[in-house]
Amino acid sequence: MLPAESRLRNAADFRDTIRQGVRCGRGSLVLHARRSSLGSSRAGFVVSKAVGNAVTRNRVKRRLRHLAAGELGSAPVVVDVVVRALPAAAAAADLAEDLHAALSTCLDRLAA
């Protein structure tokens, strides 16, 4: 689970990360990241109604939070990350390794 200080909380942080950050897309998610001057990496999640009903959206968010907690801890640089789930993430939520592969691939690509 991501602690509160590791989460993007306000709209300005989401907006700045999406507009100024680097984008990486995969079949089930789109990841926006930008370097941060803060002490630790932070993550925020966007899961729209296109992904599914409330139960499905919450399941996708829980999976992404869990995966991001592990990935951000091992990130070589301090970044702010916005993860936007696409409708294909609903099917991938049952297969956590698909989301994990997409998330780690994007983070590796953006860190380079």
C-alpha atoms as a PDB file:
ATOM      1  CA  MET A   1       0.000   0.000   0.000  1.00  0.00           C
ATOM      2  CA  LEU A   2       1.218   3.491  -0.800  1.00  0.00           C
ATOM      3  CA  PRO A   3       1.598   5.747   2.238  1.00  0.00           C
ATOM      4  CA  ALA A   4      -0.099   9.159   2.099  1.00  0.00           C
ATOM      5  CA  GLU A   5       3.156  11.028   1.424  1.00  0.00           C
ATOM      6  CA  SER A   6       3.732   8.846  -1.641  1.00  0.00           C
ATOM      7  CA  ARG A   7       0.439   9.762  -3.322  1.00  0.00           C
ATOM      8  CA  LEU A   8      -0.413  12.684  -5.577  1.00  0.00           C
ATOM      9  CA  ARG A   9      -3.234  14.452  -3.794  1.00  0.00           C
ATOM     10  CA  ASN A  10      -4.296  17.642  -5.565  1.00  0.00           C
ATOM     11  CA  ALA A  11      -5.384  18.453  -9.102  1.00  0.00           C
ATOM     12  CA  ALA A  12      -2.425  20.767  -9.737  1.00  0.00           C
ATOM     13  CA  ASP A  13       0.059  17.928  -9.196  1.00  0.00           C
ATOM     14  CA  PHE A  14      -1.884  15.667 -11.570  1.00  0.00           C
ATOM     15  CA  ARG A  15      -2.144  18.423 -14.181  1.00  0.00           C
ATOM     16  CA  ASP A  16       1.532  19.384 -14.011  1.00  0.00           C
ATOM     17  CA  THR A  17       2.673  15.776 -14.238  1.00  0.00           C
ATOM     18  CA  ILE A  18       0.475  15.064 -17.253  1.00  0.00           C
ATOM     19  CA  ARG A  19       1.376  18.274 -19.088  1.00  0.00           C
ATOM     20  CA  GLN A  20       5.091  18.473 -18.316  1.00  0.00           C
ATOM     21  CA  GLY A  21       5.892  14.787 -17.969  1.00  0.00           C
ATOM     22  CA  VAL A  22       6.919  12.097 -20.389  1.00  0.00           C
ATOM     23  CA  ARG A  23       4.226   9.713 -21.637  1.00  0.00           C
ATOM     24  CA  CYS A  24       4.419   5.963 -22.091  1.00  0.00           C
ATOM     25  CA  GLY A  25       1.462   3.899 -23.241  1.00  0.00           C
ATOM     26  CA  ARG A  26       0.729   0.192 -23.139  1.00  0.00           C
ATOM     27  CA  GLY A  27      -2.420  -1.800 -23.879  1.00  0.00           C
ATOM     28  CA  SER A  28      -3.888  -1.520 -20.405  1.00  0.00           C
ATOM     29  CA  LEU A  29      -2.488   1.770 -19.101  1.00  0.00           C
ATOM     30  CA  VAL A  30      -0.873   5.087 -19.907  1.00  0.00           C
ATOM     31  CA  LEU A  31       1.820   6.381 -17.595  1.00  0.00           C
ATOM     32  CA  HIS A  32       2.917  10.028 -17.296  1.00  0.00           C
ATOM     33  CA  ALA A  33       6.069  10.752 -15.282  1.00  0.00           C
ATOM     34  CA  ARG A  34       8.194  13.759 -14.477  1.00  0.00           C
ATOM     35  CA  ARG A  35      11.191  14.231 -12.249  1.00  0.00           C
ATOM     36  CA  SER A  36      10.509  15.707  -8.859  1.00  0.00           C
ATOM     37  CA  SER A  37      12.596  17.703  -6.426  1.00  0.00           C
ATOM     38  CA  LEU A  38      10.834  16.142  -3.430  1.00  0.00           C
ATOM     39  CA  GLY A  39      12.430  13.512  -1.227  1.00  0.00           C
ATOM     40  CA  SER A  40      10.374  10.550  -2.427  1.00  0.00           C
ATOM     41  CA  SER A  41       8.491   9.428  -5.500  1.00  0.00           C
ATOM     42  CA  ARG A  42       4.720   9.921  -5.627  1.00  0.00           C
ATOM     43  CA  ALA A  43       1.989   8.267  -7.663  1.00  0.00           C
ATOM     44  CA  GLY A  44      -1.572   9.125  -8.616  1.00  0.00           C
ATOM     45  CA  PHE A  45      -4.174   7.009 -10.389  1.00  0.00           C
ATOM     46  CA  VAL A  46      -6.942   7.848 -12.856  1.00  0.00           C
ATOM     47  CA  VAL A  47      -9.519   5.127 -13.490  1.00  0.00           C
ATOM     48  CA  SER A  48     -12.528   6.347 -15.477  1.00  0.00           C
ATOM     49  CA  LYS A  49     -15.995   4.845 -15.762  1.00  0.00           C
ATOM     50  CA  ALA A  50     -14.978   3.426 -19.148  1.00  0.00           C
ATOM     51  CA  VAL A  51     -12.974   0.803 -17.236  1.00  0.00           C
ATOM     52  CA  GLY A  52     -16.097  -0.678 -15.643  1.00  0.00           C
ATOM     53  CA  ASN A  53     -18.448  -0.428 -12.713  1.00  0.00           C
ATOM     54  CA  ALA A  54     -17.382   0.764  -9.262  1.00  0.00           C
ATOM     55  CA  VAL A  55     -16.274  -2.666  -8.099  1.00  0.00           C
ATOM     56  CA  THR A  56     -14.075  -3.139 -11.165  1.00  0.00           C
ATOM     57  CA  ARG A  57     -12.592   0.362 -10.947  1.00  0.00           C
ATOM     58  CA  ASN A  58     -11.722  -0.076  -7.283  1.00  0.00           C
ATOM     59  CA  ARG A  59     -10.142  -3.478  -7.952  1.00  0.00           C
ATOM     60  CA  VAL A  60      -8.005  -1.953 -10.719  1.00  0.00           C
ATOM     61  CA  LYS A  61      -6.949   0.924  -8.433  1.00  0.00           C
ATOM     62  CA  ARG A  62      -6.018  -1.446  -5.608  1.00  0.00           C
ATOM     63  CA  ARG A  63      -3.911  -3.580  -7.951  1.00  0.00           C
ATOM     64  CA  LEU A  64      -2.168  -0.524  -9.417  1.00  0.00           C
ATOM     65  CA  ARG A  65      -1.457   0.956  -5.973  1.00  0.00           C
ATOM     66  CA  HIS A  66       0.057  -2.311  -4.809  1.00  0.00           C
ATOM     67  CA  LEU A  67       2.233  -2.650  -7.919  1.00  0.00           C
ATOM     68  CA  ALA A  68       3.287   1.014  -7.875  1.00  0.00           C
ATOM     69  CA  ALA A  69       4.393   0.786  -4.244  1.00  0.00           C
ATOM     70  CA  GLY A  70       6.949  -1.866  -5.167  1.00  0.00           C
ATOM     71  CA  GLU A  71       8.079  -0.208  -8.382  1.00  0.00           C
ATOM     72  CA  LEU A  72       8.467   3.329  -7.006  1.00  0.00           C
ATOM     73  CA  GLY A  73      10.560   2.096  -4.105  1.00  0.00           C
ATOM     74  CA  SER A  74      13.143   0.745  -6.512  1.00  0.00           C
ATOM     75  CA  ALA A  75      13.030   3.646  -8.992  1.00  0.00           C
ATOM     76  CA  PRO A  76      16.508   5.090  -9.693  1.00  0.00           C
ATOM     77  CA  VAL A  77      15.238   8.704  -9.712  1.00  0.00           C
ATOM     78  CA  VAL A  78      12.580  10.594  -7.765  1.00  0.00           C
ATOM     79  CA  VAL A  79       9.509  10.997  -9.984  1.00  0.00           C
ATOM     80  CA  ASP A  80       5.860  11.970  -9.868  1.00  0.00           C
ATOM     81  CA  VAL A  81       3.800   9.413 -11.763  1.00  0.00           C
ATOM     82  CA  VAL A  82       0.204   9.498 -12.994  1.00  0.00           C
ATOM     83  CA  VAL A  83      -1.134   6.102 -14.050  1.00  0.00           C
ATOM     84  CA  ARG A  84      -4.231   6.239 -16.245  1.00  0.00           C
ATOM     85  CA  ALA A  85      -6.001   2.909 -16.589  1.00  0.00           C
ATOM     86  CA  LEU A  86      -7.531   2.059 -19.963  1.00  0.00           C
ATOM     87  CA  PRO A  87     -10.601  -0.181 -20.406  1.00  0.00           C
ATOM     88  CA  ALA A  88      -8.322  -3.179 -21.053  1.00  0.00           C
ATOM     89  CA  ALA A  89      -7.071  -2.844 -17.466  1.00  0.00           C
ATOM     90  CA  ALA A  90     -10.322  -4.356 -16.206  1.00  0.00           C
ATOM     91  CA  ALA A  91      -9.430  -7.689 -17.789  1.00  0.00           C
ATOM     92  CA  ALA A  92      -5.782  -7.302 -16.801  1.00  0.00           C
ATOM     93  CA  ALA A  93      -6.721  -6.698 -13.149  1.00  0.00           C
ATOM     94  CA  ASP A  94      -7.446 -10.402 -12.863  1.00  0.00           C
ATOM     95  CA  LEU A  95      -4.010 -11.067 -14.318  1.00  0.00           C
ATOM     96  CA  ALA A  96      -1.827  -8.869 -12.116  1.00  0.00           C
ATOM     97  CA  GLU A  97       1.316  -9.886 -14.008  1.00  0.00           C
ATOM     98  CA  ASP A  98      -0.003  -8.067 -17.117  1.00  0.00           C
ATOM     99  CA  LEU A  99      -0.394  -4.819 -15.175  1.00  0.00           C
ATOM    100  CA  HIS A 100       2.953  -5.366 -13.477  1.00  0.00           C
ATOM    101  CA  ALA A 101       4.710  -5.892 -16.828  1.00  0.00           C
ATOM    102  CA  ALA A 102       3.103  -2.775 -18.330  1.00  0.00           C
ATOM    103  CA  LEU A 103       3.925  -0.627 -15.284  1.00  0.00           C
ATOM    104  CA  SER A 104       7.531  -1.778 -14.948  1.00  0.00           C
ATOM    105  CA  THR A 105       8.170  -1.468 -18.694  1.00  0.00           C
ATOM    106  CA  CYS A 106       6.915   2.109 -18.722  1.00  0.00           C
ATOM    107  CA  LEU A 107       8.867   3.090 -15.607  1.00  0.00           C
ATOM    108  CA  ASP A 108      12.068   1.562 -17.024  1.00  0.00           C
ATOM    109  CA  ARG A 109      11.542   3.353 -20.327  1.00  0.00           C
ATOM    110  CA  LEU A 110      10.906   6.703 -18.622  1.00  0.00           C
ATOM    111  CA  ALA A 111      13.861   6.338 -16.262  1.00  0.00           C
ATOM    112  CA  ALA A 112      16.266   5.901 -19.184  1.00  0.00           C
END
